[in-house]
N, C-alpha and C. Protein backbone atom coordinates (compact mmCIF):
# COMPACT_ATOMS: atom_id res chain seq x y z
N UNK A 1 81.28 134.05 84.86
CA UNK A 1 81.54 133.55 86.18
C UNK A 1 81.52 132.01 86.16
N UNK A 2 82.52 131.40 86.74
CA UNK A 2 82.61 129.95 86.81
C UNK A 2 81.93 129.46 88.08
N UNK A 3 81.12 128.44 87.94
CA UNK A 3 80.47 127.85 89.12
C UNK A 3 80.92 126.40 89.27
N UNK A 4 80.86 125.95 90.47
CA UNK A 4 81.21 124.55 90.75
C UNK A 4 80.03 123.69 90.31
N UNK A 5 80.32 122.66 89.54
CA UNK A 5 79.25 121.80 89.04
C UNK A 5 79.22 120.44 89.73
N UNK A 6 80.33 120.04 90.32
CA UNK A 6 80.38 118.74 90.98
C UNK A 6 81.39 118.81 92.11
N UNK A 7 81.01 118.29 93.26
CA UNK A 7 81.93 118.21 94.40
C UNK A 7 82.31 116.74 94.56
N UNK A 8 83.59 116.46 94.48
CA UNK A 8 84.10 115.11 94.67
C UNK A 8 84.63 115.03 96.10
N UNK A 9 84.01 114.22 96.90
CA UNK A 9 84.34 114.12 98.32
C UNK A 9 85.02 112.79 98.60
N UNK A 10 86.35 112.81 98.83
CA UNK A 10 87.05 111.56 99.12
C UNK A 10 86.70 111.07 100.53
N UNK A 11 86.38 109.80 100.64
CA UNK A 11 85.91 109.22 101.89
C UNK A 11 86.88 108.14 102.36
N UNK A 12 87.35 108.29 103.60
CA UNK A 12 88.21 107.24 104.17
C UNK A 12 87.61 106.64 105.44
N UNK A 13 86.38 107.06 105.77
CA UNK A 13 85.60 106.55 106.90
C UNK A 13 86.18 106.91 108.26
N UNK A 14 87.11 107.83 108.30
CA UNK A 14 87.65 108.28 109.58
C UNK A 14 86.61 109.18 110.26
N UNK A 15 86.81 109.42 111.55
CA UNK A 15 85.88 110.28 112.30
C UNK A 15 85.84 111.68 111.72
N UNK A 16 86.98 112.21 111.32
CA UNK A 16 87.00 113.57 110.76
C UNK A 16 86.29 113.62 109.40
N UNK A 17 86.39 112.57 108.63
CA UNK A 17 85.71 112.51 107.34
C UNK A 17 84.19 112.46 107.54
N UNK A 18 83.75 111.64 108.48
CA UNK A 18 82.32 111.55 108.78
C UNK A 18 81.80 112.90 109.27
N UNK A 19 82.59 113.57 110.11
CA UNK A 19 82.19 114.87 110.64
C UNK A 19 82.11 115.94 109.54
N UNK A 20 82.89 115.79 108.50
CA UNK A 20 82.93 116.77 107.41
C UNK A 20 81.76 116.62 106.44
N UNK A 21 81.15 115.46 106.37
CA UNK A 21 80.09 115.19 105.39
C UNK A 21 78.95 116.20 105.42
N UNK A 22 78.42 116.58 106.59
CA UNK A 22 77.33 117.56 106.58
C UNK A 22 77.74 118.91 105.99
N UNK A 23 78.98 119.30 106.18
CA UNK A 23 79.45 120.58 105.65
C UNK A 23 79.58 120.54 104.13
N UNK A 24 80.04 119.41 103.62
CA UNK A 24 80.15 119.25 102.17
C UNK A 24 78.75 119.29 101.54
N UNK A 25 77.84 118.57 102.14
CA UNK A 25 76.47 118.55 101.62
C UNK A 25 75.82 119.93 101.71
N UNK A 26 76.09 120.65 102.79
CA UNK A 26 75.53 121.98 102.97
C UNK A 26 76.09 122.96 101.94
N UNK A 27 77.33 122.78 101.51
CA UNK A 27 77.94 123.68 100.52
C UNK A 27 77.36 123.47 99.13
N UNK A 28 76.88 122.29 98.83
CA UNK A 28 76.39 121.97 97.49
C UNK A 28 75.25 122.87 97.01
N UNK A 29 74.22 123.14 97.82
CA UNK A 29 73.11 123.96 97.31
C UNK A 29 73.48 125.39 96.94
N UNK A 30 74.58 125.92 97.48
CA UNK A 30 74.95 127.29 97.18
C UNK A 30 75.35 127.50 95.72
N UNK A 31 75.93 126.48 95.12
CA UNK A 31 76.36 126.63 93.74
C UNK A 31 75.67 125.65 92.80
N UNK A 32 74.78 124.84 93.33
CA UNK A 32 74.00 123.93 92.50
C UNK A 32 74.68 122.65 92.06
N UNK A 33 75.84 122.29 92.63
CA UNK A 33 76.46 121.06 92.15
C UNK A 33 75.86 119.84 92.83
N UNK A 34 76.13 118.73 92.26
CA UNK A 34 75.83 117.49 92.96
C UNK A 34 77.12 117.08 93.65
N UNK A 35 77.02 116.23 94.64
CA UNK A 35 78.25 115.78 95.28
C UNK A 35 78.37 114.28 95.14
N UNK A 36 79.59 113.85 94.93
CA UNK A 36 79.88 112.45 94.68
C UNK A 36 80.89 111.98 95.72
N UNK A 37 80.60 110.84 96.33
CA UNK A 37 81.54 110.23 97.26
C UNK A 37 82.47 109.31 96.49
N UNK A 38 83.74 109.33 96.85
CA UNK A 38 84.69 108.41 96.22
C UNK A 38 85.55 107.78 97.32
N UNK A 39 85.72 106.48 97.21
CA UNK A 39 86.56 105.75 98.16
C UNK A 39 87.46 104.81 97.36
N UNK A 40 88.74 104.87 97.63
CA UNK A 40 89.69 103.98 96.98
C UNK A 40 90.10 102.93 98.00
N UNK A 41 89.98 101.69 97.61
CA UNK A 41 90.38 100.62 98.52
C UNK A 41 91.49 99.81 97.87
N UNK A 42 92.31 99.24 98.71
CA UNK A 42 93.47 98.46 98.27
C UNK A 42 93.09 96.99 98.19
N UNK A 43 93.10 96.44 97.00
CA UNK A 43 92.76 95.02 96.85
C UNK A 43 93.71 94.11 97.61
N UNK A 44 94.87 94.62 97.93
CA UNK A 44 95.87 93.79 98.59
C UNK A 44 95.99 94.10 100.08
N UNK A 45 94.97 94.77 100.65
CA UNK A 45 95.03 95.12 102.07
C UNK A 45 94.41 94.01 102.92
N UNK A 46 94.97 92.87 102.86
CA UNK A 46 94.53 91.72 103.62
C UNK A 46 95.76 90.98 104.12
N UNK A 47 95.56 90.10 105.04
CA UNK A 47 96.73 89.36 105.50
C UNK A 47 97.07 88.24 104.52
N UNK A 48 98.30 87.89 104.48
CA UNK A 48 98.79 86.90 103.51
C UNK A 48 98.17 85.52 103.71
N UNK A 49 97.73 85.23 104.92
CA UNK A 49 97.11 83.93 105.18
C UNK A 49 95.87 83.72 104.32
N UNK A 50 95.11 84.79 104.07
CA UNK A 50 93.91 84.66 103.24
C UNK A 50 94.25 84.13 101.86
N UNK A 51 95.37 84.55 101.31
CA UNK A 51 95.77 84.08 99.98
C UNK A 51 96.17 82.61 100.00
N UNK A 52 96.55 82.14 101.17
CA UNK A 52 96.93 80.73 101.29
C UNK A 52 95.69 79.84 101.26
N UNK A 53 94.58 80.33 101.80
CA UNK A 53 93.38 79.50 101.90
C UNK A 53 92.30 79.85 100.88
N UNK A 54 92.42 81.00 100.22
CA UNK A 54 91.40 81.42 99.25
C UNK A 54 92.06 82.06 98.04
N UNK A 55 91.43 81.98 96.88
CA UNK A 55 91.99 82.62 95.69
C UNK A 55 91.91 84.15 95.79
N UNK A 56 92.86 84.83 95.14
CA UNK A 56 92.92 86.28 95.16
C UNK A 56 91.60 86.90 94.69
N UNK A 57 90.99 86.34 93.66
CA UNK A 57 89.75 86.91 93.14
C UNK A 57 88.65 86.91 94.21
N UNK A 58 88.60 85.88 95.03
CA UNK A 58 87.60 85.80 96.10
C UNK A 58 87.88 86.84 97.19
N UNK A 59 89.14 86.97 97.55
CA UNK A 59 89.54 87.95 98.57
C UNK A 59 89.24 89.37 98.06
N UNK A 60 89.58 89.63 96.80
CA UNK A 60 89.34 90.95 96.22
C UNK A 60 87.85 91.27 96.15
N UNK A 61 87.05 90.29 95.79
CA UNK A 61 85.60 90.50 95.73
C UNK A 61 85.04 90.82 97.12
N UNK A 62 85.54 90.12 98.13
CA UNK A 62 85.09 90.38 99.49
C UNK A 62 85.50 91.79 99.94
N UNK A 63 86.74 92.19 99.63
CA UNK A 63 87.22 93.52 99.97
C UNK A 63 86.36 94.60 99.31
N UNK A 64 86.03 94.38 98.05
CA UNK A 64 85.21 95.34 97.32
C UNK A 64 83.80 95.42 97.93
N UNK A 65 83.25 94.29 98.26
CA UNK A 65 81.92 94.25 98.86
C UNK A 65 81.89 94.96 100.21
N UNK A 66 82.89 94.74 101.03
CA UNK A 66 82.98 95.42 102.32
C UNK A 66 83.09 96.93 102.15
N UNK A 67 83.93 97.36 101.20
CA UNK A 67 84.09 98.79 100.94
C UNK A 67 82.79 99.39 100.42
N UNK A 68 82.08 98.69 99.55
CA UNK A 68 80.82 99.20 99.01
C UNK A 68 79.77 99.32 100.11
N UNK A 69 79.71 98.34 101.01
CA UNK A 69 78.77 98.40 102.13
C UNK A 69 79.05 99.61 103.01
N UNK A 70 80.32 99.87 103.29
CA UNK A 70 80.69 101.02 104.11
C UNK A 70 80.31 102.33 103.39
N UNK A 71 80.55 102.38 102.10
CA UNK A 71 80.24 103.58 101.33
C UNK A 71 78.73 103.80 101.28
N UNK A 72 77.98 102.72 101.10
CA UNK A 72 76.51 102.83 101.05
C UNK A 72 75.93 103.31 102.38
N UNK A 73 76.56 102.97 103.48
CA UNK A 73 76.04 103.38 104.79
C UNK A 73 76.68 104.66 105.31
N UNK A 74 77.53 105.29 104.50
CA UNK A 74 78.18 106.53 104.91
C UNK A 74 77.15 107.62 105.11
N UNK A 75 77.23 108.37 106.21
CA UNK A 75 76.25 109.43 106.44
C UNK A 75 76.32 110.50 105.35
N UNK A 76 75.18 110.79 104.78
CA UNK A 76 75.13 111.74 103.65
C UNK A 76 74.61 113.11 104.12
N UNK A 77 75.00 113.50 105.29
CA UNK A 77 74.65 114.81 105.79
C UNK A 77 73.29 114.84 106.37
């Protein structure tokens, strides 16, 4: 019998995603897996003006930091 060992939960911070988190966490104990949150962010999801006044590396670092903060504060069920 095959059991689930890991649940990968894609997070986009939408209301429906937040509402789904408790159900994903509740499903984990039934088969013993751990659950992992994953969020993909676009390094280029900023307005072009930012690139005019700041280097791309700085903008990308800020985008990553904002995404990490949101992921860290995501409700974990």
